[in-house]
Amino acid sequence: MIDVVAAVIQNEEGKILIAQRNLKKSQGGLWEFPGGKIEPNETKEEAIIREIKEEMDIDIEAKKFIDQKVFNYPDKDINLIAIECKQIKGDIKLNEHEDIKWVNKNELRNFNFAPADKFIINTILETNN
């Protein structure tokens, strides 16, 4: 089982950051909430801060746990942990992704998301935060 963190980053206008996966990687071209694997001896909060710094060169604050779910892919099992985050410093650079967009909650279903990330959309749309 691989523990993976995903950042739900909201801006001042209430829009949410989504990222398009690198075309050369697994599930390339699909949209996701950015993040990555938790390293040994790393908390989920430390992991999401590190991953977003590596992938987008911005500093974020991990605000609160949203939800988690286990997904069984043919080649691996992942435990996807969604964390609400806030950007605190920097301008986004695409180090890993093809594209990013800031979207309203009601626009999330208009994008073709990686299967594991779809549960995060459902959770976001079911809550009023």
N, C-alpha and C. Protein backbone atom coordinates (compact mmCIF):
# COMPACT_ATOMS: atom_id res chain seq x y z
N MET A 1 0.85 -1.19 0.00
CA MET A 1 0.00 0.00 0.00
C MET A 1 0.89 1.25 0.00
N ILE A 2 0.57 2.17 -0.90
CA ILE A 2 1.32 3.42 -1.01
C ILE A 2 0.44 4.54 -0.48
N ASP A 3 0.94 5.30 0.50
CA ASP A 3 0.21 6.46 1.02
C ASP A 3 0.55 7.67 0.16
N VAL A 4 -0.50 8.32 -0.36
CA VAL A 4 -0.34 9.46 -1.26
C VAL A 4 -1.18 10.61 -0.73
N VAL A 5 -0.61 11.82 -0.76
CA VAL A 5 -1.35 13.01 -0.33
C VAL A 5 -1.74 13.83 -1.55
N ALA A 6 -2.91 14.48 -1.45
CA ALA A 6 -3.40 15.35 -2.51
C ALA A 6 -3.83 16.67 -1.89
N ALA A 7 -3.38 17.78 -2.49
CA ALA A 7 -3.68 19.11 -1.97
C ALA A 7 -4.92 19.69 -2.63
N VAL A 8 -5.86 20.13 -1.80
CA VAL A 8 -7.00 20.90 -2.29
C VAL A 8 -6.70 22.35 -1.89
N ILE A 9 -6.13 23.08 -2.85
CA ILE A 9 -5.69 24.46 -2.60
C ILE A 9 -6.76 25.41 -3.12
N GLN A 10 -7.25 26.25 -2.22
CA GLN A 10 -8.27 27.23 -2.59
C GLN A 10 -7.68 28.62 -2.54
N ASN A 11 -8.03 29.47 -3.52
CA ASN A 11 -7.53 30.84 -3.51
C ASN A 11 -8.54 31.77 -2.85
N GLU A 12 -8.23 33.07 -2.84
CA GLU A 12 -9.07 34.06 -2.15
C GLU A 12 -10.48 34.13 -2.75
N GLU A 13 -10.62 33.83 -4.04
CA GLU A 13 -11.93 33.86 -4.69
C GLU A 13 -12.71 32.56 -4.49
N GLY A 14 -12.13 31.61 -3.77
CA GLY A 14 -12.79 30.34 -3.54
C GLY A 14 -12.59 29.32 -4.65
N LYS A 15 -11.73 29.65 -5.62
CA LYS A 15 -11.45 28.70 -6.70
C LYS A 15 -10.43 27.67 -6.22
N ILE A 16 -10.50 26.48 -6.83
CA ILE A 16 -9.66 25.35 -6.43
C ILE A 16 -8.65 25.05 -7.53
N LEU A 17 -7.41 24.79 -7.13
CA LEU A 17 -6.34 24.48 -8.08
C LEU A 17 -6.41 23.01 -8.51
N ILE A 18 -6.46 22.80 -9.82
CA ILE A 18 -6.36 21.44 -10.36
C ILE A 18 -5.19 21.41 -11.34
N ALA A 19 -4.60 20.25 -11.52
CA ALA A 19 -3.41 20.11 -12.37
C ALA A 19 -3.57 18.95 -13.33
N GLN A 20 -3.07 19.14 -14.54
CA GLN A 20 -3.14 18.08 -15.56
C GLN A 20 -1.86 17.26 -15.49
N ARG A 21 -2.03 15.94 -15.36
CA ARG A 21 -0.89 15.03 -15.22
C ARG A 21 0.01 15.07 -16.46
N ASN A 22 1.29 14.88 -16.21
CA ASN A 22 2.30 14.82 -17.26
C ASN A 22 1.92 13.73 -18.27
N LEU A 23 1.97 14.07 -19.55
CA LEU A 23 1.56 13.13 -20.60
C LEU A 23 2.44 11.89 -20.65
N LYS A 24 3.67 11.97 -20.15
CA LYS A 24 4.60 10.85 -20.21
C LYS A 24 4.46 9.91 -19.00
N LYS A 25 3.60 10.25 -18.05
CA LYS A 25 3.46 9.44 -16.84
C LYS A 25 2.14 8.66 -16.86
N SER A 26 2.00 7.76 -15.90
CA SER A 26 0.77 6.99 -15.74
C SER A 26 -0.41 7.94 -15.65
N GLN A 27 -1.50 7.62 -16.35
CA GLN A 27 -2.71 8.43 -16.38
C GLN A 27 -2.43 9.84 -16.91
N GLY A 28 -1.46 9.93 -17.81
CA GLY A 28 -1.09 11.22 -18.41
C GLY A 28 -2.25 11.91 -19.07
N GLY A 29 -2.34 13.23 -18.88
CA GLY A 29 -3.38 14.03 -19.47
C GLY A 29 -4.63 14.16 -18.62
N LEU A 30 -4.80 13.26 -17.64
CA LEU A 30 -5.95 13.37 -16.74
C LEU A 30 -5.68 14.48 -15.71
N TRP A 31 -6.73 14.99 -15.13
CA TRP A 31 -6.61 16.05 -14.13
C TRP A 31 -6.55 15.43 -12.74
N GLU A 32 -5.93 16.16 -11.81
CA GLU A 32 -5.78 15.68 -10.45
C GLU A 32 -5.64 16.85 -9.50
N PHE A 33 -5.73 16.53 -8.22
CA PHE A 33 -5.34 17.45 -7.18
C PHE A 33 -3.86 17.13 -6.93
N PRO A 34 -2.97 18.12 -7.04
CA PRO A 34 -1.53 17.83 -6.99
C PRO A 34 -1.10 17.26 -5.65
N GLY A 35 -0.01 16.50 -5.69
CA GLY A 35 0.53 15.89 -4.48
C GLY A 35 1.45 14.74 -4.84
N GLY A 36 1.61 13.81 -3.92
CA GLY A 36 2.50 12.69 -4.18
C GLY A 36 2.67 11.79 -2.97
N LYS A 37 3.64 10.90 -3.08
CA LYS A 37 3.87 9.87 -2.06
C LYS A 37 4.42 10.45 -0.76
N ILE A 38 3.97 9.85 0.33
CA ILE A 38 4.52 10.16 1.65
C ILE A 38 5.79 9.33 1.82
N GLU A 39 6.88 10.00 2.14
CA GLU A 39 8.16 9.31 2.35
C GLU A 39 8.19 8.71 3.76
N PRO A 40 9.08 7.71 3.98
CA PRO A 40 9.21 7.12 5.33
C PRO A 40 9.52 8.20 6.37
N ASN A 41 8.92 8.10 7.54
CA ASN A 41 9.12 9.02 8.67
C ASN A 41 8.64 10.44 8.38
N GLU A 42 7.73 10.60 7.43
CA GLU A 42 7.21 11.91 7.07
C GLU A 42 5.72 11.95 7.41
N THR A 43 5.24 13.04 7.98
CA THR A 43 3.80 13.17 8.24
C THR A 43 3.11 13.54 6.92
N LYS A 44 1.79 13.37 6.91
CA LYS A 44 1.04 13.74 5.69
C LYS A 44 1.16 15.23 5.42
N GLU A 45 1.22 16.03 6.48
CA GLU A 45 1.36 17.48 6.31
C GLU A 45 2.75 17.83 5.74
N GLU A 46 3.79 17.21 6.26
CA GLU A 46 5.14 17.44 5.73
C GLU A 46 5.22 17.00 4.27
N ALA A 47 4.58 15.89 3.95
CA ALA A 47 4.63 15.36 2.59
C ALA A 47 3.95 16.30 1.60
N ILE A 48 2.77 16.83 1.95
CA ILE A 48 2.07 17.68 1.00
C ILE A 48 2.82 18.99 0.79
N ILE A 49 3.40 19.54 1.84
CA ILE A 49 4.19 20.77 1.71
C ILE A 49 5.40 20.52 0.81
N ARG A 50 6.10 19.40 1.01
CA ARG A 50 7.27 19.07 0.19
C ARG A 50 6.88 18.82 -1.26
N GLU A 51 5.84 18.02 -1.47
CA GLU A 51 5.43 17.66 -2.83
C GLU A 51 5.03 18.90 -3.64
N ILE A 52 4.26 19.79 -3.05
CA ILE A 52 3.82 20.98 -3.78
C ILE A 52 5.00 21.90 -4.06
N LYS A 53 5.94 21.97 -3.14
CA LYS A 53 7.16 22.77 -3.38
C LYS A 53 7.94 22.18 -4.57
N GLU A 54 8.08 20.84 -4.60
CA GLU A 54 8.80 20.18 -5.69
C GLU A 54 8.07 20.32 -7.02
N GLU A 55 6.77 20.14 -7.02
CA GLU A 55 6.00 20.12 -8.26
C GLU A 55 5.67 21.50 -8.80
N MET A 56 5.49 22.48 -7.91
CA MET A 56 4.99 23.79 -8.35
C MET A 56 5.80 24.97 -7.84
N ASP A 57 6.79 24.70 -7.00
CA ASP A 57 7.67 25.74 -6.46
C ASP A 57 6.93 26.83 -5.69
N ILE A 58 5.87 26.43 -4.97
CA ILE A 58 5.17 27.36 -4.09
C ILE A 58 5.18 26.81 -2.67
N ASP A 59 5.01 27.70 -1.72
CA ASP A 59 4.89 27.32 -0.32
C ASP A 59 3.42 27.29 0.05
N ILE A 60 3.02 26.21 0.71
CA ILE A 60 1.64 26.07 1.15
C ILE A 60 1.60 25.76 2.65
N GLU A 61 0.42 25.95 3.21
CA GLU A 61 0.15 25.56 4.59
C GLU A 61 -0.90 24.47 4.54
N ALA A 62 -0.63 23.37 5.23
CA ALA A 62 -1.62 22.29 5.34
C ALA A 62 -2.62 22.71 6.41
N LYS A 63 -3.88 22.94 6.01
CA LYS A 63 -4.89 23.46 6.93
C LYS A 63 -5.61 22.35 7.69
N LYS A 64 -6.21 21.39 6.95
CA LYS A 64 -6.93 20.32 7.63
C LYS A 64 -7.13 19.11 6.73
N PHE A 65 -7.25 17.99 7.37
CA PHE A 65 -7.55 16.72 6.70
C PHE A 65 -8.97 16.80 6.15
N ILE A 66 -9.16 16.34 4.90
CA ILE A 66 -10.48 16.32 4.28
C ILE A 66 -11.08 14.92 4.33
N ASP A 67 -10.37 13.95 3.73
CA ASP A 67 -10.88 12.59 3.66
C ASP A 67 -9.78 11.70 3.09
N GLN A 68 -9.96 10.39 3.16
CA GLN A 68 -9.03 9.46 2.52
C GLN A 68 -9.78 8.24 2.05
N LYS A 69 -9.18 7.59 1.05
CA LYS A 69 -9.82 6.40 0.49
C LYS A 69 -8.76 5.53 -0.16
N VAL A 70 -8.94 4.20 -0.07
CA VAL A 70 -8.01 3.26 -0.69
C VAL A 70 -8.51 2.93 -2.10
N PHE A 71 -7.57 2.92 -3.04
CA PHE A 71 -7.87 2.58 -4.43
C PHE A 71 -6.99 1.44 -4.87
N ASN A 72 -7.61 0.48 -5.54
CA ASN A 72 -6.89 -0.69 -6.03
C ASN A 72 -6.73 -0.56 -7.54
N TYR A 73 -5.51 -0.27 -7.95
CA TYR A 73 -5.17 -0.24 -9.37
C TYR A 73 -4.60 -1.60 -9.73
N PRO A 74 -4.57 -1.95 -11.01
CA PRO A 74 -4.03 -3.26 -11.40
C PRO A 74 -2.59 -3.48 -10.92
N ASP A 75 -1.78 -2.41 -10.89
CA ASP A 75 -0.37 -2.56 -10.55
C ASP A 75 -0.01 -2.14 -9.13
N LYS A 76 -0.95 -1.50 -8.40
CA LYS A 76 -0.64 -1.04 -7.04
C LYS A 76 -1.90 -0.63 -6.31
N ASP A 77 -1.80 -0.58 -4.98
CA ASP A 77 -2.87 -0.07 -4.13
C ASP A 77 -2.40 1.23 -3.51
N ILE A 78 -3.26 2.26 -3.56
CA ILE A 78 -2.88 3.52 -2.94
C ILE A 78 -3.94 3.95 -1.93
N ASN A 79 -3.48 4.60 -0.88
CA ASN A 79 -4.34 5.24 0.11
C ASN A 79 -4.22 6.73 -0.15
N LEU A 80 -5.24 7.33 -0.79
CA LEU A 80 -5.19 8.74 -1.16
C LEU A 80 -5.77 9.58 -0.04
N ILE A 81 -4.96 10.52 0.44
CA ILE A 81 -5.32 11.37 1.58
C ILE A 81 -5.44 12.81 1.08
N ALA A 82 -6.65 13.36 1.15
CA ALA A 82 -6.89 14.73 0.69
C ALA A 82 -6.73 15.71 1.86
N ILE A 83 -6.00 16.80 1.60
CA ILE A 83 -5.73 17.79 2.63
C ILE A 83 -6.06 19.18 2.09
N GLU A 84 -6.84 19.92 2.84
CA GLU A 84 -7.13 21.31 2.48
C GLU A 84 -5.87 22.13 2.75
N CYS A 85 -5.46 22.93 1.76
CA CYS A 85 -4.24 23.70 1.87
C CYS A 85 -4.46 25.14 1.43
N LYS A 86 -3.53 25.99 1.82
CA LYS A 86 -3.57 27.39 1.43
C LYS A 86 -2.20 27.77 0.90
N GLN A 87 -2.17 28.45 -0.25
CA GLN A 87 -0.91 28.94 -0.81
C GLN A 87 -0.48 30.15 0.02
N ILE A 88 0.78 30.14 0.47
CA ILE A 88 1.24 31.25 1.29
C ILE A 88 2.34 32.07 0.62
N LYS A 89 3.05 31.47 -0.38
CA LYS A 89 4.13 32.23 -1.01
C LYS A 89 4.51 31.59 -2.34
N GLY A 90 4.88 32.45 -3.29
CA GLY A 90 5.43 31.97 -4.55
C GLY A 90 4.47 32.04 -5.72
N ASP A 91 5.04 31.92 -6.90
CA ASP A 91 4.28 31.85 -8.14
C ASP A 91 4.44 30.46 -8.71
N ILE A 92 3.34 29.88 -9.14
CA ILE A 92 3.34 28.49 -9.60
C ILE A 92 4.19 28.32 -10.86
N LYS A 93 5.06 27.31 -10.81
CA LYS A 93 5.85 26.88 -11.96
C LYS A 93 5.48 25.42 -12.23
N LEU A 94 5.33 25.07 -13.49
CA LEU A 94 4.95 23.71 -13.84
C LEU A 94 6.20 22.83 -13.97
N ASN A 95 6.61 22.21 -12.88
CA ASN A 95 7.78 21.32 -12.88
C ASN A 95 7.40 19.89 -13.23
N GLU A 96 6.14 19.51 -13.03
CA GLU A 96 5.69 18.14 -13.24
C GLU A 96 4.47 18.04 -14.15
N HIS A 97 3.63 19.04 -14.14
CA HIS A 97 2.33 18.97 -14.80
C HIS A 97 2.33 19.64 -16.17
N GLU A 98 1.33 19.26 -16.98
CA GLU A 98 1.15 19.86 -18.31
C GLU A 98 0.49 21.23 -18.20
N ASP A 99 -0.45 21.36 -17.26
CA ASP A 99 -1.23 22.59 -17.15
C ASP A 99 -1.85 22.65 -15.76
N ILE A 100 -2.29 23.83 -15.37
CA ILE A 100 -3.07 24.01 -14.14
C ILE A 100 -4.24 24.92 -14.45
N LYS A 101 -5.27 24.83 -13.63
CA LYS A 101 -6.41 25.74 -13.74
C LYS A 101 -6.95 26.00 -12.34
N TRP A 102 -7.43 27.22 -12.14
CA TRP A 102 -8.19 27.56 -10.95
C TRP A 102 -9.66 27.50 -11.35
N VAL A 103 -10.44 26.64 -10.72
CA VAL A 103 -11.83 26.44 -11.13
C VAL A 103 -12.77 26.56 -9.93
N ASN A 104 -14.01 26.92 -10.23
CA ASN A 104 -15.05 26.93 -9.21
C ASN A 104 -15.43 25.48 -8.89
N LYS A 105 -15.94 25.26 -7.67
CA LYS A 105 -16.35 23.91 -7.27
C LYS A 105 -17.28 23.28 -8.29
N ASN A 106 -18.25 24.08 -8.78
CA ASN A 106 -19.24 23.51 -9.69
C ASN A 106 -18.68 23.19 -11.07
N GLU A 107 -17.43 23.57 -11.35
CA GLU A 107 -16.79 23.24 -12.62
C GLU A 107 -15.96 21.96 -12.55
N LEU A 108 -15.74 21.43 -11.37
CA LEU A 108 -14.85 20.28 -11.20
C LEU A 108 -15.28 19.08 -12.05
N ARG A 109 -16.56 18.84 -12.16
CA ARG A 109 -17.05 17.68 -12.91
C ARG A 109 -16.87 17.84 -14.43
N ASN A 110 -16.47 19.02 -14.88
CA ASN A 110 -16.25 19.25 -16.32
C ASN A 110 -14.89 18.74 -16.79
N PHE A 111 -14.06 18.26 -15.88
CA PHE A 111 -12.71 17.82 -16.22
C PHE A 111 -12.60 16.30 -16.05
N ASN A 112 -11.75 15.69 -16.87
CA ASN A 112 -11.54 14.25 -16.81
C ASN A 112 -10.44 13.96 -15.77
N PHE A 113 -10.88 13.62 -14.56
CA PHE A 113 -9.96 13.39 -13.44
C PHE A 113 -9.47 11.95 -13.39
N ALA A 114 -8.28 11.78 -12.82
CA ALA A 114 -7.77 10.44 -12.52
C ALA A 114 -8.78 9.77 -11.59
N PRO A 115 -8.99 8.46 -11.75
CA PRO A 115 -10.03 7.77 -10.98
C PRO A 115 -9.96 8.00 -9.47
N ALA A 116 -8.77 7.95 -8.89
CA ALA A 116 -8.66 8.10 -7.43
C ALA A 116 -9.09 9.49 -6.97
N ASP A 117 -8.87 10.50 -7.80
CA ASP A 117 -9.19 11.88 -7.40
C ASP A 117 -10.68 12.19 -7.42
N LYS A 118 -11.48 11.36 -8.08
CA LYS A 118 -12.91 11.64 -8.19
C LYS A 118 -13.61 11.65 -6.84
N PHE A 119 -13.14 10.85 -5.89
CA PHE A 119 -13.78 10.85 -4.58
C PHE A 119 -13.59 12.19 -3.87
N ILE A 120 -12.47 12.88 -4.17
CA ILE A 120 -12.22 14.19 -3.56
C ILE A 120 -13.26 15.19 -4.07
N ILE A 121 -13.57 15.13 -5.35
CA ILE A 121 -14.59 16.01 -5.92
C ILE A 121 -15.91 15.80 -5.21
N ASN A 122 -16.30 14.54 -5.04
CA ASN A 122 -17.56 14.25 -4.35
C ASN A 122 -17.56 14.81 -2.94
N THR A 123 -16.45 14.65 -2.22
CA THR A 123 -16.35 15.16 -0.86
C THR A 123 -16.45 16.68 -0.84
N ILE A 124 -15.76 17.35 -1.77
CA ILE A 124 -15.80 18.82 -1.83
C ILE A 124 -17.23 19.30 -2.09
N LEU A 125 -17.90 18.66 -3.03
CA LEU A 125 -19.24 19.10 -3.40
C LEU A 125 -20.29 18.79 -2.34
N GLU A 126 -19.99 17.82 -1.48
CA GLU A 126 -20.94 17.46 -0.42
C GLU A 126 -20.78 18.31 0.83
N THR A 127 -19.68 19.06 0.92
CA THR A 127 -19.44 19.90 2.12
C THR A 127 -19.61 21.36 1.75
N ASN A 128 -19.83 22.17 2.73
CA ASN A 128 -20.08 23.59 2.50
C ASN A 128 -18.90 24.47 2.88
N ASN A 129 -17.69 23.95 2.87
CA ASN A 129 -16.54 24.78 3.25
C ASN A 129 -15.93 25.44 2.06
